Amino acid sequence: MKLVIVGNEEECLGFSLAGVEGVIVEDDSMFVEQMQQLFSDHEIGVIAIADRYFSIFSERFSPVIEKRAVPAVVFIPSMDGTHHKSSLKEYLASILGIRL
């Protein structure tokens, strides 16, 4: 299973130094296209996404990811500041599907 980072060039570069494959996206439509491709790749086990794409992901891909265990999707803080507005408690509750 592979780990893939989805973000801008700088975010992907940092992870590539650790051997993680990066998928560079420059806008929202490119993000949607790349995510569709990543979900069809059965070798990917974890997708780490810059949190600037959290709302787009929630709107477009939440129904898809709720039905699958793999790949696991995690959001990481963006280089240009955190875009994810909910608290850590709310975030973990949404990921785990339980109320904390």
PDB file of N, CA and C in Angstrom:
ATOM      1  N   MET A   1       0.841  -1.181   0.000  1.00  0.00           N
ATOM      2  CA  MET A   1       0.000   0.000   0.000  1.00  0.00           C
ATOM      3  C   MET A   1       0.885   1.244   0.000  1.00  0.00           C
ATOM      4  N   LYS A   2       0.438   2.231  -0.756  1.00  0.00           N
ATOM      5  CA  LYS A   2       1.198   3.471  -0.880  1.00  0.00           C
ATOM      6  C   LYS A   2       0.519   4.598  -0.112  1.00  0.00           C
ATOM      7  N   LEU A   3       1.346   5.556   0.306  1.00  0.00           N
ATOM      8  CA  LEU A   3       0.882   6.809   0.895  1.00  0.00           C
ATOM      9  C   LEU A   3       1.075   7.888  -0.150  1.00  0.00           C
ATOM     10  N   VAL A   4       0.048   8.721  -0.355  1.00  0.00           N
ATOM     11  CA  VAL A   4       0.098   9.787  -1.346  1.00  0.00           C
ATOM     12  C   VAL A   4      -0.304  11.092  -0.674  1.00  0.00           C
ATOM     13  N   ILE A   5       0.407  12.166  -0.992  1.00  0.00           N
ATOM     14  CA  ILE A   5       0.069  13.507  -0.500  1.00  0.00           C
ATOM     15  C   ILE A   5      -0.534  14.303  -1.650  1.00  0.00           C
ATOM     16  N   VAL A   6      -1.622  15.008  -1.378  1.00  0.00           N
ATOM     17  CA  VAL A   6      -2.265  15.855  -2.380  1.00  0.00           C
ATOM     18  C   VAL A   6      -2.196  17.288  -1.877  1.00  0.00           C
ATOM     19  N   GLY A   7      -1.548  18.149  -2.652  1.00  0.00           N
ATOM     20  CA  GLY A   7      -1.400  19.543  -2.244  1.00  0.00           C
ATOM     21  C   GLY A   7      -0.688  20.347  -3.309  1.00  0.00           C
ATOM     22  N   ASN A   8      -0.197  21.516  -2.915  1.00  0.00           N
ATOM     23  CA  ASN A   8       0.532  22.336  -3.884  1.00  0.00           C
ATOM     24  C   ASN A   8       1.978  21.840  -4.010  1.00  0.00           C
ATOM     25  N   GLU A   9       2.726  22.483  -4.849  1.00  0.00           N
ATOM     26  CA  GLU A   9       4.082  22.016  -5.148  1.00  0.00           C
ATOM     27  C   GLU A   9       4.974  21.989  -3.911  1.00  0.00           C
ATOM     28  N   GLU A  10       4.891  23.025  -3.077  1.00  0.00           N
ATOM     29  CA  GLU A  10       5.736  23.093  -1.887  1.00  0.00           C
ATOM     30  C   GLU A  10       5.398  21.990  -0.889  1.00  0.00           C
ATOM     31  N   GLU A  11       4.105  21.730  -0.700  1.00  0.00           N
ATOM     32  CA  GLU A  11       3.686  20.681   0.235  1.00  0.00           C
ATOM     33  C   GLU A  11       4.135  19.312  -0.251  1.00  0.00           C
ATOM     34  N   CYS A  12       4.001  19.060  -1.525  1.00  0.00           N
ATOM     35  CA  CYS A  12       4.414  17.775  -2.090  1.00  0.00           C
ATOM     36  C   CYS A  12       5.922  17.608  -2.044  1.00  0.00           C
ATOM     37  N   LEU A  13       6.646  18.688  -2.253  1.00  0.00           N
ATOM     38  CA  LEU A  13       8.103  18.630  -2.224  1.00  0.00           C
ATOM     39  C   LEU A  13       8.599  18.204  -0.854  1.00  0.00           C
ATOM     40  N   GLY A  14       8.034  18.776   0.194  1.00  0.00           N
ATOM     41  CA  GLY A  14       8.443  18.419   1.547  1.00  0.00           C
ATOM     42  C   GLY A  14       8.255  16.938   1.832  1.00  0.00           C
ATOM     43  N   PHE A  15       7.152  16.380   1.415  1.00  0.00           N
ATOM     44  CA  PHE A  15       6.888  14.958   1.645  1.00  0.00           C
ATOM     45  C   PHE A  15       7.717  14.076   0.732  1.00  0.00           C
ATOM     46  N   SER A  16       8.039  14.563  -0.458  1.00  0.00           N
ATOM     47  CA  SER A  16       8.835  13.749  -1.382  1.00  0.00           C
ATOM     48  C   SER A  16      10.237  13.504  -0.828  1.00  0.00           C
ATOM     49  N   LEU A  17      10.719  14.408   0.001  1.00  0.00           N
ATOM     50  CA  LEU A  17      12.025  14.207   0.635  1.00  0.00           C
ATOM     51  C   LEU A  17      12.003  13.006   1.580  1.00  0.00           C
ATOM     52  N   ALA A  18      10.827  12.641   2.049  1.00  0.00           N
ATOM     53  CA  ALA A  18      10.660  11.467   2.911  1.00  0.00           C
ATOM     54  C   ALA A  18      10.234  10.234   2.116  1.00  0.00           C
ATOM     55  N   GLY A  19      10.172  10.350   0.792  1.00  0.00           N
ATOM     56  CA  GLY A  19       9.834   9.217  -0.052  1.00  0.00           C
ATOM     57  C   GLY A  19       8.353   9.042  -0.331  1.00  0.00           C
ATOM     58  N   VAL A  20       7.549  10.053  -0.015  1.00  0.00           N
ATOM     59  CA  VAL A  20       6.111   9.969  -0.243  1.00  0.00           C
ATOM     60  C   VAL A  20       5.784  10.540  -1.618  1.00  0.00           C
ATOM     61  N   GLU A  21       4.970   9.809  -2.365  1.00  0.00           N
ATOM     62  CA  GLU A  21       4.548  10.271  -3.688  1.00  0.00           C
ATOM     63  C   GLU A  21       3.622  11.471  -3.543  1.00  0.00           C
ATOM     64  N   GLY A  22       3.842  12.494  -4.340  1.00  0.00           N
ATOM     65  CA  GLY A  22       3.019  13.691  -4.293  1.00  0.00           C
ATOM     66  C   GLY A  22       2.178  13.863  -5.543  1.00  0.00           C
ATOM     67  N   VAL A  23       0.969  14.371  -5.346  1.00  0.00           N
ATOM     68  CA  VAL A  23       0.086  14.717  -6.450  1.00  0.00           C
ATOM     69  C   VAL A  23      -0.169  16.213  -6.343  1.00  0.00           C
ATOM     70  N   ILE A  24       0.386  16.959  -7.277  1.00  0.00           N
ATOM     71  CA  ILE A  24       0.297  18.416  -7.238  1.00  0.00           C
ATOM     72  C   ILE A  24      -1.008  18.859  -7.891  1.00  0.00           C
ATOM     73  N   VAL A  25      -1.775  19.664  -7.142  1.00  0.00           N
ATOM     74  CA  VAL A  25      -3.015  20.235  -7.670  1.00  0.00           C
ATOM     75  C   VAL A  25      -2.940  21.746  -7.526  1.00  0.00           C
ATOM     76  N   GLU A  26      -3.455  22.431  -8.533  1.00  0.00           N
ATOM     77  CA  GLU A  26      -3.362  23.892  -8.555  1.00  0.00           C
ATOM     78  C   GLU A  26      -4.700  24.588  -8.375  1.00  0.00           C
ATOM     79  N   ASP A  27      -5.795  23.864  -8.590  1.00  0.00           N
ATOM     80  CA  ASP A  27      -7.111  24.472  -8.411  1.00  0.00           C
ATOM     81  C   ASP A  27      -8.127  23.398  -8.049  1.00  0.00           C
ATOM     82  N   ASP A  28      -9.354  23.825  -7.783  1.00  0.00           N
ATOM     83  CA  ASP A  28     -10.391  22.913  -7.304  1.00  0.00           C
ATOM     84  C   ASP A  28     -10.768  21.846  -8.335  1.00  0.00           C
ATOM     85  N   SER A  29     -10.866  22.222  -9.594  1.00  0.00           N
ATOM     86  CA  SER A  29     -11.251  21.236 -10.616  1.00  0.00           C
ATOM     87  C   SER A  29     -10.152  20.187 -10.794  1.00  0.00           C
ATOM     88  N   MET A  30      -8.919  20.605 -10.704  1.00  0.00           N
ATOM     89  CA  MET A  30      -7.802  19.667 -10.803  1.00  0.00           C
ATOM     90  C   MET A  30      -7.800  18.722  -9.595  1.00  0.00           C
ATOM     91  N   PHE A  31      -8.169  19.248  -8.434  1.00  0.00           N
ATOM     92  CA  PHE A  31      -8.269  18.425  -7.231  1.00  0.00           C
ATOM     93  C   PHE A  31      -9.304  17.321  -7.423  1.00  0.00           C
ATOM     94  N   VAL A  32     -10.473  17.668  -7.939  1.00  0.00           N
ATOM     95  CA  VAL A  32     -11.544  16.685  -8.147  1.00  0.00           C
ATOM     96  C   VAL A  32     -11.090  15.604  -9.122  1.00  0.00           C
ATOM     97  N   GLU A  33     -10.452  15.999 -10.209  1.00  0.00           N
ATOM     98  CA  GLU A  33      -9.964  15.033 -11.200  1.00  0.00           C
ATOM     99  C   GLU A  33      -8.949  14.079 -10.591  1.00  0.00           C
ATOM    100  N   GLN A  34      -7.991  14.637  -9.859  1.00  0.00           N
ATOM    101  CA  GLN A  34      -6.940  13.812  -9.265  1.00  0.00           C
ATOM    102  C   GLN A  34      -7.499  12.857  -8.213  1.00  0.00           C
ATOM    103  N   MET A  35      -8.470  13.328  -7.425  1.00  0.00           N
ATOM    104  CA  MET A  35      -9.062  12.465  -6.406  1.00  0.00           C
ATOM    105  C   MET A  35      -9.801  11.300  -7.045  1.00  0.00           C
ATOM    106  N   GLN A  36     -10.485  11.537  -8.139  1.00  0.00           N
ATOM    107  CA  GLN A  36     -11.181  10.447  -8.840  1.00  0.00           C
ATOM    108  C   GLN A  36     -10.182   9.393  -9.303  1.00  0.00           C
ATOM    109  N   GLN A  37      -9.043   9.837  -9.801  1.00  0.00           N
ATOM    110  CA  GLN A  37      -8.008   8.895 -10.228  1.00  0.00           C
ATOM    111  C   GLN A  37      -7.413   8.139  -9.043  1.00  0.00           C
ATOM    112  N   LEU A  38      -7.182   8.849  -7.935  1.00  0.00           N
ATOM    113  CA  LEU A  38      -6.591   8.202  -6.765  1.00  0.00           C
ATOM    114  C   LEU A  38      -7.532   7.151  -6.174  1.00  0.00           C
ATOM    115  N   PHE A  39      -8.825   7.415  -6.159  1.00  0.00           N
ATOM    116  CA  PHE A  39      -9.777   6.446  -5.633  1.00  0.00           C
ATOM    117  C   PHE A  39      -9.860   5.193  -6.501  1.00  0.00           C
ATOM    118  N   SER A  40      -9.504   5.294  -7.761  1.00  0.00           N
ATOM    119  CA  SER A  40      -9.544   4.122  -8.633  1.00  0.00           C
ATOM    120  C   SER A  40      -8.248   3.309  -8.583  1.00  0.00           C
ATOM    121  N   ASP A  41      -7.199   3.850  -7.965  1.00  0.00           N
ATOM    122  CA  ASP A  41      -5.915   3.146  -7.844  1.00  0.00           C
ATOM    123  C   ASP A  41      -5.947   2.280  -6.581  1.00  0.00           C
ATOM    124  N   HIS A  42      -5.956   0.971  -6.741  1.00  0.00           N
ATOM    125  CA  HIS A  42      -6.103   0.054  -5.617  1.00  0.00           C
ATOM    126  C   HIS A  42      -4.802  -0.162  -4.837  1.00  0.00           C
ATOM    127  N   GLU A  43      -3.705   0.426  -5.279  1.00  0.00           N
ATOM    128  CA  GLU A  43      -2.444   0.313  -4.555  1.00  0.00           C
ATOM    129  C   GLU A  43      -2.298   1.374  -3.471  1.00  0.00           C
ATOM    130  N   ILE A  44      -3.168   2.368  -3.470  1.00  0.00           N
ATOM    131  CA  ILE A  44      -3.070   3.471  -2.512  1.00  0.00           C
ATOM    132  C   ILE A  44      -3.828   3.110  -1.243  1.00  0.00           C
ATOM    133  N   GLY A  45      -3.125   3.206  -0.105  1.00  0.00           N
ATOM    134  CA  GLY A  45      -3.717   2.878   1.180  1.00  0.00           C
ATOM    135  C   GLY A  45      -4.095   4.094   1.997  1.00  0.00           C
ATOM    136  N   VAL A  46      -3.335   5.192   1.840  1.00  0.00           N
ATOM    137  CA  VAL A  46      -3.592   6.417   2.594  1.00  0.00           C
ATOM    138  C   VAL A  46      -3.416   7.609   1.666  1.00  0.00           C
ATOM    139  N   ILE A  47      -4.364   8.535   1.730  1.00  0.00           N
ATOM    140  CA  ILE A  47      -4.268   9.782   0.981  1.00  0.00           C
ATOM    141  C   ILE A  47      -4.261  10.916   2.002  1.00  0.00           C
ATOM    142  N   ALA A  48      -3.178  11.672   2.041  1.00  0.00           N
ATOM    143  CA  ALA A  48      -3.087  12.852   2.905  1.00  0.00           C
ATOM    144  C   ALA A  48      -3.378  14.068   2.033  1.00  0.00           C
ATOM    145  N   ILE A  49      -4.329  14.881   2.468  1.00  0.00           N
ATOM    146  CA  ILE A  49      -4.781  16.017   1.659  1.00  0.00           C
ATOM    147  C   ILE A  49      -4.585  17.304   2.430  1.00  0.00           C
ATOM    148  N   ALA A  50      -4.085  18.338   1.755  1.00  0.00           N
ATOM    149  CA  ALA A  50      -3.981  19.665   2.365  1.00  0.00           C
ATOM    150  C   ALA A  50      -5.377  20.134   2.735  1.00  0.00           C
ATOM    151  N   ASP A  51      -5.525  20.692   3.927  1.00  0.00           N
ATOM    152  CA  ASP A  51      -6.866  20.993   4.436  1.00  0.00           C
ATOM    153  C   ASP A  51      -7.593  22.111   3.698  1.00  0.00           C
ATOM    154  N   ARG A  52      -6.959  22.776   2.772  1.00  0.00           N
ATOM    155  CA  ARG A  52      -7.668  23.791   1.974  1.00  0.00           C
ATOM    156  C   ARG A  52      -8.734  23.141   1.090  1.00  0.00           C
ATOM    157  N   TYR A  53      -8.621  21.830   0.882  1.00  0.00           N
ATOM    158  CA  TYR A  53      -9.577  21.106   0.049  1.00  0.00           C
ATOM    159  C   TYR A  53     -10.628  20.353   0.860  1.00  0.00           C
ATOM    160  N   PHE A  54     -10.701  20.611   2.157  1.00  0.00           N
ATOM    161  CA  PHE A  54     -11.624  19.883   3.031  1.00  0.00           C
ATOM    162  C   PHE A  54     -13.075  20.051   2.602  1.00  0.00           C
ATOM    163  N   SER A  55     -13.509  21.276   2.336  1.00  0.00           N
ATOM    164  CA  SER A  55     -14.922  21.490   1.992  1.00  0.00           C
ATOM    165  C   SER A  55     -15.275  20.858   0.646  1.00  0.00           C
ATOM    166  N   ILE A  56     -14.392  20.953  -0.324  1.00  0.00           N
ATOM    167  CA  ILE A  56     -14.641  20.339  -1.631  1.00  0.00           C
ATOM    168  C   ILE A  56     -14.712  18.821  -1.484  1.00  0.00           C
ATOM    169  N   PHE A  57     -13.778  18.276  -0.698  1.00  0.00           N
ATOM    170  CA  PHE A  57     -13.774  16.832  -0.476  1.00  0.00           C
ATOM    171  C   PHE A  57     -15.073  16.388   0.197  1.00  0.00           C
ATOM    172  N   SER A  58     -15.485  17.133   1.211  1.00  0.00           N
ATOM    173  CA  SER A  58     -16.715  16.773   1.937  1.00  0.00           C
ATOM    174  C   SER A  58     -17.924  16.770   1.017  1.00  0.00           C
ATOM    175  N   GLU A  59     -18.018  17.767   0.146  1.00  0.00           N
ATOM    176  CA  GLU A  59     -19.150  17.865  -0.764  1.00  0.00           C
ATOM    177  C   GLU A  59     -19.145  16.764  -1.823  1.00  0.00           C
ATOM    178  N   ARG A  60     -17.985  16.496  -2.392  1.00  0.00           N
ATOM    179  CA  ARG A  60     -17.911  15.602  -3.547  1.00  0.00           C
ATOM    180  C   ARG A  60     -17.641  14.141  -3.208  1.00  0.00           C
ATOM    181  N   PHE A  61     -16.858  13.886  -2.145  1.00  0.00           N
ATOM    182  CA  PHE A  61     -16.354  12.529  -1.940  1.00  0.00           C
ATOM    183  C   PHE A  61     -16.767  11.864  -0.629  1.00  0.00           C
ATOM    184  N   SER A  62     -17.475  12.561   0.243  1.00  0.00           N
ATOM    185  CA  SER A  62     -17.894  11.936   1.502  1.00  0.00           C
ATOM    186  C   SER A  62     -18.712  10.670   1.278  1.00  0.00           C
ATOM    187  N   PRO A  63     -19.688  10.678   0.363  1.00  0.00           N
ATOM    188  CA  PRO A  63     -20.440   9.433   0.137  1.00  0.00           C
ATOM    189  C   PRO A  63     -19.560   8.282  -0.364  1.00  0.00           C
ATOM    190  N   VAL A  64     -18.539   8.603  -1.126  1.00  0.00           N
ATOM    191  CA  VAL A  64     -17.647   7.571  -1.666  1.00  0.00           C
ATOM    192  C   VAL A  64     -16.813   6.958  -0.546  1.00  0.00           C
ATOM    193  N   ILE A  65     -16.231   7.795   0.275  1.00  0.00           N
ATOM    194  CA  ILE A  65     -15.301   7.324   1.300  1.00  0.00           C
ATOM    195  C   ILE A  65     -16.024   6.637   2.459  1.00  0.00           C
ATOM    196  N   GLU A  66     -17.290   6.979   2.691  1.00  0.00           N
ATOM    197  CA  GLU A  66     -18.045   6.340   3.771  1.00  0.00           C
ATOM    198  C   GLU A  66     -18.277   4.863   3.508  1.00  0.00           C
ATOM    199  N   LYS A  67     -18.238   4.455   2.255  1.00  0.00           N
ATOM    200  CA  LYS A  67     -18.502   3.074   1.886  1.00  0.00           C
ATOM    201  C   LYS A  67     -17.229   2.236   1.763  1.00  0.00           C
ATOM    202  N   ARG A  68     -16.063   2.859   1.964  1.00  0.00           N
ATOM    203  CA  ARG A  68     -14.799   2.163   1.764  1.00  0.00           C
ATOM    204  C   ARG A  68     -13.878   2.348   2.962  1.00  0.00           C
ATOM    205  N   ALA A  69     -13.131   1.320   3.279  1.00  0.00           N
ATOM    206  CA  ALA A  69     -12.135   1.420   4.346  1.00  0.00           C
ATOM    207  C   ALA A  69     -10.788   1.868   3.787  1.00  0.00           C
ATOM    208  N   VAL A  70     -10.544   1.547   2.533  1.00  0.00           N
ATOM    209  CA  VAL A  70      -9.275   1.875   1.890  1.00  0.00           C
ATOM    210  C   VAL A  70      -9.581   2.617   0.614  1.00  0.00           C
ATOM    211  N   PRO A  71      -8.965   3.715   0.347  1.00  0.00           N
ATOM    212  CA  PRO A  71      -7.881   4.334   1.098  1.00  0.00           C
ATOM    213  C   PRO A  71      -8.413   5.168   2.272  1.00  0.00           C
ATOM    214  N   ALA A  72      -7.591   5.246   3.289  1.00  0.00           N
ATOM    215  CA  ALA A  72      -7.892   6.133   4.406  1.00  0.00           C
ATOM    216  C   ALA A  72      -7.527   7.550   3.968  1.00  0.00           C
ATOM    217  N   VAL A  73      -8.338   8.509   4.346  1.00  0.00           N
ATOM    218  CA  VAL A  73      -8.100   9.907   3.966  1.00  0.00           C
ATOM    219  C   VAL A  73      -7.863  10.717   5.233  1.00  0.00           C
ATOM    220  N   VAL A  74      -6.743  11.439   5.260  1.00  0.00           N
ATOM    221  CA  VAL A  74      -6.431  12.322   6.379  1.00  0.00           C
ATOM    222  C   VAL A  74      -6.145  13.710   5.834  1.00  0.00           C
ATOM    223  N   PHE A  75      -6.451  14.711   6.622  1.00  0.00           N
ATOM    224  CA  PHE A  75      -6.187  16.084   6.222  1.00  0.00           C
ATOM    225  C   PHE A  75      -5.052  16.637   7.056  1.00  0.00           C
ATOM    226  N   ILE A  76      -4.149  17.330   6.381  1.00  0.00           N
ATOM    227  CA  ILE A  76      -3.000  17.930   7.049  1.00  0.00           C
ATOM    228  C   ILE A  76      -3.086  19.444   6.893  1.00  0.00           C
ATOM    229  N   PRO A  77      -2.515  20.195   7.825  1.00  0.00           N
ATOM    230  CA  PRO A  77      -2.544  21.655   7.695  1.00  0.00           C
ATOM    231  C   PRO A  77      -1.830  22.121   6.423  1.00  0.00           C
ATOM    232  N   SER A  78      -2.422  23.081   5.749  1.00  0.00           N
ATOM    233  CA  SER A  78      -1.836  23.639   4.537  1.00  0.00           C
ATOM    234  C   SER A  78      -0.654  24.529   4.877  1.00  0.00           C
ATOM    235  N   MET A  79       0.227  24.722   3.916  1.00  0.00           N
ATOM    236  CA  MET A  79       1.392  25.584   4.124  1.00  0.00           C
ATOM    237  C   MET A  79       0.979  27.036   4.342  1.00  0.00           C
ATOM    238  N   ASP A  80      -0.140  27.437   3.761  1.00  0.00           N
ATOM    239  CA  ASP A  80      -0.560  28.830   3.858  1.00  0.00           C
ATOM    240  C   ASP A  80      -1.526  29.077   5.012  1.00  0.00           C
ATOM    241  N   GLY A  81      -1.606  28.167   5.958  1.00  0.00           N
ATOM    242  CA  GLY A  81      -2.470  28.345   7.120  1.00  0.00           C
ATOM    243  C   GLY A  81      -3.606  27.349   7.124  1.00  0.00           C
ATOM    244  N   THR A  82      -4.135  27.086   8.281  1.00  0.00           N
ATOM    245  CA  THR A  82      -5.193  26.100   8.433  1.00  0.00           C
ATOM    246  C   THR A  82      -6.503  26.618   7.867  1.00  0.00           C
ATOM    247  N   HIS A  83      -7.145  25.806   7.062  1.00  0.00           N
ATOM    248  CA  HIS A  83      -8.422  26.161   6.454  1.00  0.00           C
ATOM    249  C   HIS A  83      -9.569  25.390   7.083  1.00  0.00           C
ATOM    250  N   HIS A  84      -9.251  24.337   7.814  1.00  0.00           N
ATOM    251  CA  HIS A  84     -10.259  23.496   8.449  1.00  0.00           C
ATOM    252  C   HIS A  84     -10.768  24.225   9.684  1.00  0.00           C
ATOM    253  N   LYS A  85     -12.052  24.546   9.723  1.00  0.00           N
ATOM    254  CA  LYS A  85     -12.597  25.419  10.761  1.00  0.00           C
ATOM    255  C   LYS A  85     -13.116  24.699  11.996  1.00  0.00           C
ATOM    256  N   SER A  86     -13.360  23.405  11.920  1.00  0.00           N
ATOM    257  CA  SER A  86     -13.920  22.721  13.081  1.00  0.00           C
ATOM    258  C   SER A  86     -12.825  22.390  14.092  1.00  0.00           C
ATOM    259  N   SER A  87     -13.244  22.108  15.301  1.00  0.00           N
ATOM    260  CA  SER A  87     -12.296  21.769  16.353  1.00  0.00           C
ATOM    261  C   SER A  87     -11.745  20.366  16.116  1.00  0.00           C
ATOM    262  N   LEU A  88     -10.675  20.047  16.808  1.00  0.00           N
ATOM    263  CA  LEU A  88     -10.087  18.717  16.684  1.00  0.00           C
ATOM    264  C   LEU A  88     -11.091  17.652  17.115  1.00  0.00           C
ATOM    265  N   LYS A  89     -11.865  17.951  18.149  1.00  0.00           N
ATOM    266  CA  LYS A  89     -12.876  17.009  18.630  1.00  0.00           C
ATOM    267  C   LYS A  89     -13.908  16.722  17.545  1.00  0.00           C
ATOM    268  N   GLU A  90     -14.411  17.774  16.891  1.00  0.00           N
ATOM    269  CA  GLU A  90     -15.390  17.595  15.821  1.00  0.00           C
ATOM    270  C   GLU A  90     -14.786  16.844  14.638  1.00  0.00           C
ATOM    271  N   TYR A  91     -13.551  17.160  14.314  1.00  0.00           N
ATOM    272  CA  TYR A  91     -12.852  16.522  13.201  1.00  0.00           C
ATOM    273  C   TYR A  91     -12.692  15.026  13.452  1.00  0.00           C
ATOM    274  N   LEU A  92     -12.229  14.663  14.629  1.00  0.00           N
ATOM    275  CA  LEU A  92     -12.045  13.239  14.951  1.00  0.00           C
ATOM    276  C   LEU A  92     -13.379  12.501  14.989  1.00  0.00           C
ATOM    277  N   ALA A  93     -14.398  13.167  15.512  1.00  0.00           N
ATOM    278  CA  ALA A  93     -15.718  12.548  15.548  1.00  0.00           C
ATOM    279  C   ALA A  93     -16.231  12.262  14.139  1.00  0.00           C
ATOM    280  N   SER A  94     -15.986  13.178  13.201  1.00  0.00           N
ATOM    281  CA  SER A  94     -16.442  12.955  11.827  1.00  0.00           C
ATOM    282  C   SER A  94     -15.655  11.836  11.163  1.00  0.00           C
ATOM    283  N   ILE A  95     -14.376  11.717  11.474  1.00  0.00           N
ATOM    284  CA  ILE A  95     -13.557  10.660  10.885  1.00  0.00           C
ATOM    285  C   ILE A  95     -13.928   9.297  11.452  1.00  0.00           C
ATOM    286  N   LEU A  96     -14.059   9.245  12.769  1.00  0.00           N
ATOM    287  CA  LEU A  96     -14.330   7.970  13.430  1.00  0.00           C
ATOM    288  C   LEU A  96     -15.796   7.555  13.343  1.00  0.00           C
ATOM    289  N   GLY A  97     -16.668   8.518  13.060  1.00  0.00           N
ATOM    290  CA  GLY A  97     -18.087   8.218  12.966  1.00  0.00           C
ATOM    291  C   GLY A  97     -18.750   8.009  14.316  1.00  0.00           C
ATOM    292  N   ILE A  98     -18.151   8.581  15.352  1.00  0.00           N
ATOM    293  CA  ILE A  98     -18.716   8.467  16.696  1.00  0.00           C
ATOM    294  C   ILE A  98     -18.780   9.852  17.330  1.00  0.00           C
ATOM    295  N   ARG A  99     -19.561   9.942  18.356  1.00  0.00           N
ATOM    296  CA  ARG A  99     -19.662  11.188  19.083  1.00  0.00           C
ATOM    297  C   ARG A  99     -18.714  11.168  20.273  1.00  0.00           C
ATOM    298  N   LEU A 100     -17.827  12.128  20.340  1.00  0.00           N
ATOM    299  CA  LEU A 100     -16.848  12.186  21.436  1.00  0.00           C
ATOM    300  C   LEU A 100     -17.322  13.081  22.543  1.00  0.00           C
TER     301      LEU A 100
END
